[in-house]
Amino acid sequence: MGLDWIGFGYAALVASGGIIGYAKAGSVPSLAAGLLFGGIAGLGAYQLSQDPKNIWLSLSKYYFGNYLMDEKSPCQKYIKALIDLVQNSNPLC
């Protein structure tokens, strides 16, 4: 069984996108989302490398991520409120 290089590359891109978003704009939610979803994508790629039929973590990550980021999602207002709370209550500033 070979490694899922495409999956690991995708995970690295997602995680690096979060890091770049934090470095450029100081966006903590971007960093958290990038590392969380990049880590989940990496775990999914690892599981897919071990067992090519085990696609459930990868699929659930894609659907869950798309659901959360959709503007019409009922979770969107809670996500925006959480982001505002984190950005406005930063003890380091």
PDB file of N, CA and C in Angstrom:
ATOM      1  N   MET A   1       0.829  -1.176   0.000  1.00  0.00           N
ATOM      2  CA  MET A   1       0.000   0.000   0.000  1.00  0.00           C
ATOM      3  C   MET A   1       0.877   1.244   0.000  1.00  0.00           C
ATOM      4  N   GLY A   2       0.572   2.143  -0.901  1.00  0.00           N
ATOM      5  CA  GLY A   2       1.317   3.385  -0.973  1.00  0.00           C
ATOM      6  C   GLY A   2       0.658   4.482  -0.159  1.00  0.00           C
ATOM      7  N   LEU A   3       1.401   5.532   0.019  1.00  0.00           N
ATOM      8  CA  LEU A   3       0.870   6.675   0.741  1.00  0.00           C
ATOM      9  C   LEU A   3      -0.035   7.494  -0.168  1.00  0.00           C
ATOM     10  N   ASP A   4      -0.999   8.135   0.423  1.00  0.00           N
ATOM     11  CA  ASP A   4      -1.915   9.013  -0.300  1.00  0.00           C
ATOM     12  C   ASP A   4      -1.272  10.399  -0.394  1.00  0.00           C
ATOM     13  N   TRP A   5      -0.370  10.557  -1.362  1.00  0.00           N
ATOM     14  CA  TRP A   5       0.389  11.802  -1.475  1.00  0.00           C
ATOM     15  C   TRP A   5      -0.507  12.990  -1.784  1.00  0.00           C
ATOM     16  N   ILE A   6      -1.538  12.781  -2.560  1.00  0.00           N
ATOM     17  CA  ILE A   6      -2.464  13.873  -2.878  1.00  0.00           C
ATOM     18  C   ILE A   6      -3.185  14.325  -1.611  1.00  0.00           C
ATOM     19  N   GLY A   7      -3.616  13.378  -0.805  1.00  0.00           N
ATOM     20  CA  GLY A   7      -4.292  13.712   0.443  1.00  0.00           C
ATOM     21  C   GLY A   7      -3.387  14.432   1.422  1.00  0.00           C
ATOM     22  N   PHE A   8      -2.135  13.976   1.535  1.00  0.00           N
ATOM     23  CA  PHE A   8      -1.191  14.651   2.429  1.00  0.00           C
ATOM     24  C   PHE A   8      -0.834  16.042   1.910  1.00  0.00           C
ATOM     25  N   GLY A   9      -0.732  16.180   0.596  1.00  0.00           N
ATOM     26  CA  GLY A   9      -0.464  17.497   0.013  1.00  0.00           C
ATOM     27  C   GLY A   9      -1.603  18.461   0.263  1.00  0.00           C
ATOM     28  N   TYR A  10      -2.831  17.959   0.124  1.00  0.00           N
ATOM     29  CA  TYR A  10      -4.008  18.776   0.403  1.00  0.00           C
ATOM     30  C   TYR A  10      -4.033  19.203   1.869  1.00  0.00           C
ATOM     31  N   ALA A  11      -3.732  18.283   2.762  1.00  0.00           N
ATOM     32  CA  ALA A  11      -3.702  18.603   4.193  1.00  0.00           C
ATOM     33  C   ALA A  11      -2.657  19.668   4.495  1.00  0.00           C
ATOM     34  N   ALA A  12      -1.505  19.556   3.868  1.00  0.00           N
ATOM     35  CA  ALA A  12      -0.453  20.558   4.064  1.00  0.00           C
ATOM     36  C   ALA A  12      -0.879  21.916   3.527  1.00  0.00           C
ATOM     37  N   LEU A  13      -1.554  21.946   2.383  1.00  0.00           N
ATOM     38  CA  LEU A  13      -2.030  23.207   1.830  1.00  0.00           C
ATOM     39  C   LEU A  13      -3.070  23.864   2.730  1.00  0.00           C
ATOM     40  N   VAL A  14      -3.982  23.078   3.271  1.00  0.00           N
ATOM     41  CA  VAL A  14      -5.006  23.630   4.154  1.00  0.00           C
ATOM     42  C   VAL A  14      -4.367  24.196   5.422  1.00  0.00           C
ATOM     43  N   ALA A  15      -3.458  23.446   6.019  1.00  0.00           N
ATOM     44  CA  ALA A  15      -2.795  23.912   7.238  1.00  0.00           C
ATOM     45  C   ALA A  15      -1.941  25.149   6.956  1.00  0.00           C
ATOM     46  N   SER A  16      -1.214  25.150   5.840  1.00  0.00           N
ATOM     47  CA  SER A  16      -0.380  26.315   5.528  1.00  0.00           C
ATOM     48  C   SER A  16      -1.234  27.529   5.197  1.00  0.00           C
ATOM     49  N   GLY A  17      -2.413  27.322   4.638  1.00  0.00           N
ATOM     50  CA  GLY A  17      -3.327  28.438   4.397  1.00  0.00           C
ATOM     51  C   GLY A  17      -3.760  29.096   5.692  1.00  0.00           C
ATOM     52  N   GLY A  18      -4.024  28.298   6.707  1.00  0.00           N
ATOM     53  CA  GLY A  18      -4.371  28.857   8.013  1.00  0.00           C
ATOM     54  C   GLY A  18      -3.213  29.617   8.632  1.00  0.00           C
ATOM     55  N   ILE A  19      -2.012  29.085   8.487  1.00  0.00           N
ATOM     56  CA  ILE A  19      -0.825  29.748   9.033  1.00  0.00           C
ATOM     57  C   ILE A  19      -0.552  31.061   8.292  1.00  0.00           C
ATOM     58  N   ILE A  20      -0.693  31.058   6.984  1.00  0.00           N
ATOM     59  CA  ILE A  20      -0.477  32.277   6.200  1.00  0.00           C
ATOM     60  C   ILE A  20      -1.543  33.321   6.535  1.00  0.00           C
ATOM     61  N   GLY A  21      -2.789  32.888   6.707  1.00  0.00           N
ATOM     62  CA  GLY A  21      -3.847  33.817   7.097  1.00  0.00           C
ATOM     63  C   GLY A  21      -3.569  34.463   8.439  1.00  0.00           C
ATOM     64  N   TYR A  22      -3.013  33.701   9.344  1.00  0.00           N
ATOM     65  CA  TYR A  22      -2.647  34.257  10.651  1.00  0.00           C
ATOM     66  C   TYR A  22      -1.456  35.206  10.530  1.00  0.00           C
ATOM     67  N   ALA A  23      -0.467  34.821   9.738  1.00  0.00           N
ATOM     68  CA  ALA A  23       0.738  35.648   9.600  1.00  0.00           C
ATOM     69  C   ALA A  23       0.437  36.975   8.900  1.00  0.00           C
ATOM     70  N   LYS A  24      -0.435  36.956   7.899  1.00  0.00           N
ATOM     71  CA  LYS A  24      -0.717  38.175   7.144  1.00  0.00           C
ATOM     72  C   LYS A  24      -1.712  39.086   7.849  1.00  0.00           C
ATOM     73  N   ALA A  25      -2.778  38.514   8.383  1.00  0.00           N
ATOM     74  CA  ALA A  25      -3.855  39.338   8.926  1.00  0.00           C
ATOM     75  C   ALA A  25      -4.018  39.194  10.436  1.00  0.00           C
ATOM     76  N   GLY A  26      -3.266  38.308  11.041  1.00  0.00           N
ATOM     77  CA  GLY A  26      -3.426  38.087  12.475  1.00  0.00           C
ATOM     78  C   GLY A  26      -4.735  37.396  12.814  1.00  0.00           C
ATOM     79  N   SER A  27      -5.258  36.617  11.887  1.00  0.00           N
ATOM     80  CA  SER A  27      -6.556  35.969  12.052  1.00  0.00           C
ATOM     81  C   SER A  27      -6.415  34.653  12.818  1.00  0.00           C
ATOM     82  N   VAL A  28      -6.821  34.689  14.080  1.00  0.00           N
ATOM     83  CA  VAL A  28      -6.784  33.479  14.901  1.00  0.00           C
ATOM     84  C   VAL A  28      -7.770  32.425  14.395  1.00  0.00           C
ATOM     85  N   PRO A  29      -9.013  32.810  13.984  1.00  0.00           N
ATOM     86  CA  PRO A  29      -9.918  31.788  13.441  1.00  0.00           C
ATOM     87  C   PRO A  29      -9.369  31.102  12.196  1.00  0.00           C
ATOM     88  N   SER A  30      -8.646  31.854  11.368  1.00  0.00           N
ATOM     89  CA  SER A  30      -8.038  31.252  10.184  1.00  0.00           C
ATOM     90  C   SER A  30      -6.987  30.218  10.587  1.00  0.00           C
ATOM     91  N   LEU A  31      -6.189  30.565  11.579  1.00  0.00           N
ATOM     92  CA  LEU A  31      -5.172  29.634  12.067  1.00  0.00           C
ATOM     93  C   LEU A  31      -5.817  28.382  12.652  1.00  0.00           C
ATOM     94  N   ALA A  32      -6.831  28.579  13.492  1.00  0.00           N
ATOM     95  CA  ALA A  32      -7.494  27.434  14.130  1.00  0.00           C
ATOM     96  C   ALA A  32      -8.170  26.532  13.100  1.00  0.00           C
ATOM     97  N   ALA A  33      -8.899  27.142  12.159  1.00  0.00           N
ATOM     98  CA  ALA A  33      -9.599  26.341  11.154  1.00  0.00           C
ATOM     99  C   ALA A  33      -8.603  25.634  10.236  1.00  0.00           C
ATOM    100  N   GLY A  34      -7.538  26.319   9.846  1.00  0.00           N
ATOM    101  CA  GLY A  34      -6.544  25.707   8.972  1.00  0.00           C
ATOM    102  C   GLY A  34      -5.866  24.520   9.624  1.00  0.00           C
ATOM    103  N   LEU A  35      -5.471  24.699  10.897  1.00  0.00           N
ATOM    104  CA  LEU A  35      -4.800  23.587  11.577  1.00  0.00           C
ATOM    105  C   LEU A  35      -5.765  22.443  11.888  1.00  0.00           C
ATOM    106  N   LEU A  36      -7.001  22.782  12.280  1.00  0.00           N
ATOM    107  CA  LEU A  36      -7.987  21.733  12.589  1.00  0.00           C
ATOM    108  C   LEU A  36      -8.325  20.921  11.346  1.00  0.00           C
ATOM    109  N   PHE A  37      -8.734  21.608  10.276  1.00  0.00           N
ATOM    110  CA  PHE A  37      -9.147  20.880   9.076  1.00  0.00           C
ATOM    111  C   PHE A  37      -7.955  20.272   8.343  1.00  0.00           C
ATOM    112  N   GLY A  38      -6.785  20.913   8.415  1.00  0.00           N
ATOM    113  CA  GLY A  38      -5.584  20.309   7.840  1.00  0.00           C
ATOM    114  C   GLY A  38      -5.193  19.041   8.579  1.00  0.00           C
ATOM    115  N   GLY A  39      -5.306  19.073   9.908  1.00  0.00           N
ATOM    116  CA  GLY A  39      -5.006  17.875  10.700  1.00  0.00           C
ATOM    117  C   GLY A  39      -5.978  16.742  10.422  1.00  0.00           C
ATOM    118  N   ILE A  40      -7.254  17.091  10.304  1.00  0.00           N
ATOM    119  CA  ILE A  40      -8.259  16.062  10.004  1.00  0.00           C
ATOM    120  C   ILE A  40      -8.027  15.494   8.604  1.00  0.00           C
ATOM    121  N   ALA A  41      -7.690  16.368   7.648  1.00  0.00           N
ATOM    122  CA  ALA A  41      -7.408  15.887   6.291  1.00  0.00           C
ATOM    123  C   ALA A  41      -6.168  14.992   6.286  1.00  0.00           C
ATOM    124  N   GLY A  42      -5.157  15.351   7.081  1.00  0.00           N
ATOM    125  CA  GLY A  42      -3.959  14.516   7.174  1.00  0.00           C
ATOM    126  C   GLY A  42      -4.258  13.160   7.788  1.00  0.00           C
ATOM    127  N   LEU A  43      -5.087  13.161   8.825  1.00  0.00           N
ATOM    128  CA  LEU A  43      -5.494  11.897   9.447  1.00  0.00           C
ATOM    129  C   LEU A  43      -6.292  11.045   8.459  1.00  0.00           C
ATOM    130  N   GLY A  44      -7.175  11.697   7.706  1.00  0.00           N
ATOM    131  CA  GLY A  44      -7.935  10.975   6.685  1.00  0.00           C
ATOM    132  C   GLY A  44      -7.030  10.388   5.608  1.00  0.00           C
ATOM    133  N   ALA A  45      -6.002  11.139   5.210  1.00  0.00           N
ATOM    134  CA  ALA A  45      -5.057  10.631   4.214  1.00  0.00           C
ATOM    135  C   ALA A  45      -4.270   9.453   4.776  1.00  0.00           C
ATOM    136  N   TYR A  46      -3.904   9.529   6.050  1.00  0.00           N
ATOM    137  CA  TYR A  46      -3.187   8.410   6.679  1.00  0.00           C
ATOM    138  C   TYR A  46      -4.076   7.160   6.723  1.00  0.00           C
ATOM    139  N   GLN A  47      -5.335   7.348   7.139  1.00  0.00           N
ATOM    140  CA  GLN A  47      -6.242   6.197   7.194  1.00  0.00           C
ATOM    141  C   GLN A  47      -6.473   5.613   5.808  1.00  0.00           C
ATOM    142  N   LEU A  48      -6.572   6.486   4.810  1.00  0.00           N
ATOM    143  CA  LEU A  48      -6.766   6.014   3.445  1.00  0.00           C
ATOM    144  C   LEU A  48      -5.534   5.266   2.947  1.00  0.00           C
ATOM    145  N   SER A  49      -4.359   5.664   3.413  1.00  0.00           N
ATOM    146  CA  SER A  49      -3.129   4.958   3.040  1.00  0.00           C
ATOM    147  C   SER A  49      -3.081   3.568   3.663  1.00  0.00           C
ATOM    148  N   GLN A  50      -3.612   3.432   4.866  1.00  0.00           N
ATOM    149  CA  GLN A  50      -3.612   2.142   5.550  1.00  0.00           C
ATOM    150  C   GLN A  50      -4.654   1.189   4.983  1.00  0.00           C
ATOM    151  N   ASP A  51      -5.829   1.730   4.679  1.00  0.00           N
ATOM    152  CA  ASP A  51      -6.918   0.914   4.148  1.00  0.00           C
ATOM    153  C   ASP A  51      -7.645   1.725   3.076  1.00  0.00           C
ATOM    154  N   PRO A  52      -7.453   1.423   1.798  1.00  0.00           N
ATOM    155  CA  PRO A  52      -8.053   2.222   0.723  1.00  0.00           C
ATOM    156  C   PRO A  52      -9.584   2.264   0.752  1.00  0.00           C
ATOM    157  N   LYS A  53     -10.216   1.368   1.487  1.00  0.00           N
ATOM    158  CA  LYS A  53     -11.680   1.385   1.570  1.00  0.00           C
ATOM    159  C   LYS A  53     -12.189   2.272   2.700  1.00  0.00           C
ATOM    160  N   ASN A  54     -11.288   2.780   3.542  1.00  0.00           N
ATOM    161  CA  ASN A  54     -11.679   3.594   4.688  1.00  0.00           C
ATOM    162  C   ASN A  54     -11.697   5.072   4.287  1.00  0.00           C
ATOM    163  N   ILE A  55     -12.818   5.493   3.701  1.00  0.00           N
ATOM    164  CA  ILE A  55     -12.924   6.857   3.197  1.00  0.00           C
ATOM    165  C   ILE A  55     -13.805   7.740   4.070  1.00  0.00           C
ATOM    166  N   TRP A  56     -14.318   7.225   5.160  1.00  0.00           N
ATOM    167  CA  TRP A  56     -15.358   7.934   5.902  1.00  0.00           C
ATOM    168  C   TRP A  56     -14.854   9.204   6.585  1.00  0.00           C
ATOM    169  N   LEU A  57     -13.676   9.202   7.150  1.00  0.00           N
ATOM    170  CA  LEU A  57     -13.169  10.416   7.794  1.00  0.00           C
ATOM    171  C   LEU A  57     -12.919  11.501   6.756  1.00  0.00           C
ATOM    172  N   SER A  58     -12.358  11.143   5.628  1.00  0.00           N
ATOM    173  CA  SER A  58     -12.111  12.126   4.578  1.00  0.00           C
ATOM    174  C   SER A  58     -13.412  12.706   4.049  1.00  0.00           C
ATOM    175  N   LEU A  59     -14.371  11.856   3.780  1.00  0.00           N
ATOM    176  CA  LEU A  59     -15.648  12.345   3.274  1.00  0.00           C
ATOM    177  C   LEU A  59     -16.374  13.210   4.293  1.00  0.00           C
ATOM    178  N   SER A  60     -16.377  12.795   5.546  1.00  0.00           N
ATOM    179  CA  SER A  60     -17.074  13.583   6.567  1.00  0.00           C
ATOM    180  C   SER A  60     -16.390  14.925   6.773  1.00  0.00           C
ATOM    181  N   LYS A  61     -15.064  14.991   6.654  1.00  0.00           N
ATOM    182  CA  LYS A  61     -14.344  16.264   6.762  1.00  0.00           C
ATOM    183  C   LYS A  61     -14.768  17.209   5.653  1.00  0.00           C
ATOM    184  N   TYR A  62     -14.852  16.716   4.433  1.00  0.00           N
ATOM    185  CA  TYR A  62     -15.243  17.572   3.323  1.00  0.00           C
ATOM    186  C   TYR A  62     -16.670  18.073   3.489  1.00  0.00           C
ATOM    187  N   TYR A  63     -17.595  17.191   3.833  1.00  0.00           N
ATOM    188  CA  TYR A  63     -18.986  17.608   3.978  1.00  0.00           C
ATOM    189  C   TYR A  63     -19.165  18.536   5.178  1.00  0.00           C
ATOM    190  N   PHE A  64     -18.528  18.230   6.288  1.00  0.00           N
ATOM    191  CA  PHE A  64     -18.654  19.063   7.474  1.00  0.00           C
ATOM    192  C   PHE A  64     -18.027  20.435   7.245  1.00  0.00           C
ATOM    193  N   GLY A  65     -16.865  20.469   6.618  1.00  0.00           N
ATOM    194  CA  GLY A  65     -16.220  21.745   6.313  1.00  0.00           C
ATOM    195  C   GLY A  65     -17.045  22.589   5.364  1.00  0.00           C
ATOM    196  N   ASN A  66     -17.608  21.979   4.347  1.00  0.00           N
ATOM    197  CA  ASN A  66     -18.462  22.721   3.423  1.00  0.00           C
ATOM    198  C   ASN A  66     -19.731  23.198   4.100  1.00  0.00           C
ATOM    199  N   TYR A  67     -20.280  22.406   5.007  1.00  0.00           N
ATOM    200  CA  TYR A  67     -21.485  22.798   5.719  1.00  0.00           C
ATOM    201  C   TYR A  67     -21.219  23.994   6.617  1.00  0.00           C
ATOM    202  N   LEU A  68     -20.091  23.984   7.317  1.00  0.00           N
ATOM    203  CA  LEU A  68     -19.772  25.089   8.218  1.00  0.00           C
ATOM    204  C   LEU A  68     -19.480  26.375   7.469  1.00  0.00           C
ATOM    205  N   MET A  69     -18.852  26.276   6.315  1.00  0.00           N
ATOM    206  CA  MET A  69     -18.451  27.471   5.589  1.00  0.00           C
ATOM    207  C   MET A  69     -19.527  28.009   4.657  1.00  0.00           C
ATOM    208  N   ASP A  70     -20.608  27.287   4.505  1.00  0.00           N
ATOM    209  CA  ASP A  70     -21.691  27.739   3.650  1.00  0.00           C
ATOM    210  C   ASP A  70     -22.402  28.926   4.311  1.00  0.00           C
ATOM    211  N   GLU A  71     -22.645  29.985   3.570  1.00  0.00           N
ATOM    212  CA  GLU A  71     -23.288  31.183   4.117  1.00  0.00           C
ATOM    213  C   GLU A  71     -24.726  30.906   4.561  1.00  0.00           C
ATOM    214  N   LYS A  72     -25.369  29.924   3.986  1.00  0.00           N
ATOM    215  CA  LYS A  72     -26.754  29.613   4.325  1.00  0.00           C
ATOM    216  C   LYS A  72     -26.872  28.639   5.485  1.00  0.00           C
ATOM    217  N   SER A  73     -25.741  28.207   6.016  1.00  0.00           N
ATOM    218  CA  SER A  73     -25.748  27.245   7.111  1.00  0.00           C
ATOM    219  C   SER A  73     -26.303  27.871   8.381  1.00  0.00           C
ATOM    220  N   PRO A  74     -27.133  27.139   9.117  1.00  0.00           N
ATOM    221  CA  PRO A  74     -27.634  27.678  10.378  1.00  0.00           C
ATOM    222  C   PRO A  74     -26.522  27.882  11.406  1.00  0.00           C
ATOM    223  N   CYS A  75     -25.391  27.234  11.215  1.00  0.00           N
ATOM    224  CA  CYS A  75     -24.261  27.396  12.143  1.00  0.00           C
ATOM    225  C   CYS A  75     -23.491  28.686  11.891  1.00  0.00           C
ATOM    226  N   GLN A  76     -23.695  29.323  10.755  1.00  0.00           N
ATOM    227  CA  GLN A  76     -22.882  30.466  10.365  1.00  0.00           C
ATOM    228  C   GLN A  76     -22.968  31.625  11.366  1.00  0.00           C
ATOM    229  N   LYS A  77     -24.165  31.900  11.900  1.00  0.00           N
ATOM    230  CA  LYS A  77     -24.274  33.020  12.839  1.00  0.00           C
ATOM    231  C   LYS A  77     -23.536  32.713  14.144  1.00  0.00           C
ATOM    232  N   TYR A  78     -23.517  31.445  14.552  1.00  0.00           N
ATOM    233  CA  TYR A  78     -22.786  31.065  15.766  1.00  0.00           C
ATOM    234  C   TYR A  78     -21.273  31.131  15.538  1.00  0.00           C
ATOM    235  N   ILE A  79     -20.852  30.755  14.356  1.00  0.00           N
ATOM    236  CA  ILE A  79     -19.431  30.821  14.030  1.00  0.00           C
ATOM    237  C   ILE A  79     -18.964  32.274  14.017  1.00  0.00           C
ATOM    238  N   LYS A  80     -19.759  33.158  13.405  1.00  0.00           N
ATOM    239  CA  LYS A  80     -19.401  34.575  13.367  1.00  0.00           C
ATOM    240  C   LYS A  80     -19.372  35.171  14.767  1.00  0.00           C
ATOM    241  N   ALA A  81     -20.316  34.784  15.611  1.00  0.00           N
ATOM    242  CA  ALA A  81     -20.330  35.286  16.993  1.00  0.00           C
ATOM    243  C   ALA A  81     -19.113  34.787  17.758  1.00  0.00           C
ATOM    244  N   LEU A  82     -18.720  33.547  17.549  1.00  0.00           N
ATOM    245  CA  LEU A  82     -17.541  32.993  18.215  1.00  0.00           C
ATOM    246  C   LEU A  82     -16.272  33.691  17.738  1.00  0.00           C
ATOM    247  N   ILE A  83     -16.194  33.975  16.450  1.00  0.00           N
ATOM    248  CA  ILE A  83     -15.034  34.689  15.912  1.00  0.00           C
ATOM    249  C   ILE A  83     -14.949  36.089  16.503  1.00  0.00           C
ATOM    250  N   ASP A  84     -16.083  36.780  16.581  1.00  0.00           N
ATOM    251  CA  ASP A  84     -16.093  38.118  17.186  1.00  0.00           C
ATOM    252  C   ASP A  84     -15.670  38.059  18.647  1.00  0.00           C
ATOM    253  N   LEU A  85     -16.136  37.071  19.352  1.00  0.00           N
ATOM    254  CA  LEU A  85     -15.785  36.929  20.770  1.00  0.00           C
ATOM    255  C   LEU A  85     -14.283  36.705  20.939  1.00  0.00           C
ATOM    256  N   VAL A  86     -13.720  35.835  20.117  1.00  0.00           N
ATOM    257  CA  VAL A  86     -12.288  35.547  20.218  1.00  0.00           C
ATOM    258  C   VAL A  86     -11.464  36.774  19.836  1.00  0.00           C
ATOM    259  N   GLN A  87     -11.857  37.466  18.776  1.00  0.00           N
ATOM    260  CA  GLN A  87     -11.078  38.614  18.327  1.00  0.00           C
ATOM    261  C   GLN A  87     -11.181  39.799  19.287  1.00  0.00           C
ATOM    262  N   ASN A  88     -12.327  39.972  19.928  1.00  0.00           N
ATOM    263  CA  ASN A  88     -12.514  41.125  20.802  1.00  0.00           C
ATOM    264  C   ASN A  88     -12.032  40.895  22.216  1.00  0.00           C
ATOM    265  N   SER A  89     -11.775  39.662  22.588  1.00  0.00           N
ATOM    266  CA  SER A  89     -11.342  39.389  23.966  1.00  0.00           C
ATOM    267  C   SER A  89      -9.941  38.795  23.994  1.00  0.00           C
ATOM    268  N   ASN A  90      -9.073  39.289  23.139  1.00  0.00           N
ATOM    269  CA  ASN A  90      -7.703  38.783  23.082  1.00  0.00           C
ATOM    270  C   ASN A  90      -6.897  39.382  24.239  1.00  0.00           C
ATOM    271  N   PRO A  91      -6.470  38.597  25.204  1.00  0.00           N
ATOM    272  CA  PRO A  91      -5.748  39.150  26.353  1.00  0.00           C
ATOM    273  C   PRO A  91      -4.337  39.608  26.028  1.00  0.00           C
ATOM    274  N   LEU A  92      -3.826  39.260  24.848  1.00  0.00           N
ATOM    275  CA  LEU A  92      -2.465  39.644  24.497  1.00  0.00           C
ATOM    276  C   LEU A  92      -2.383  41.076  23.964  1.00  0.00           C
ATOM    277  N   CYS A  93      -3.509  41.660  23.629  1.00  0.00           N
ATOM    278  CA  CYS A  93      -3.503  43.032  23.069  1.00  0.00           C
ATOM    279  C   CYS A  93      -3.668  44.069  24.167  1.00  0.00           C
TER     280      CYS A  93
END
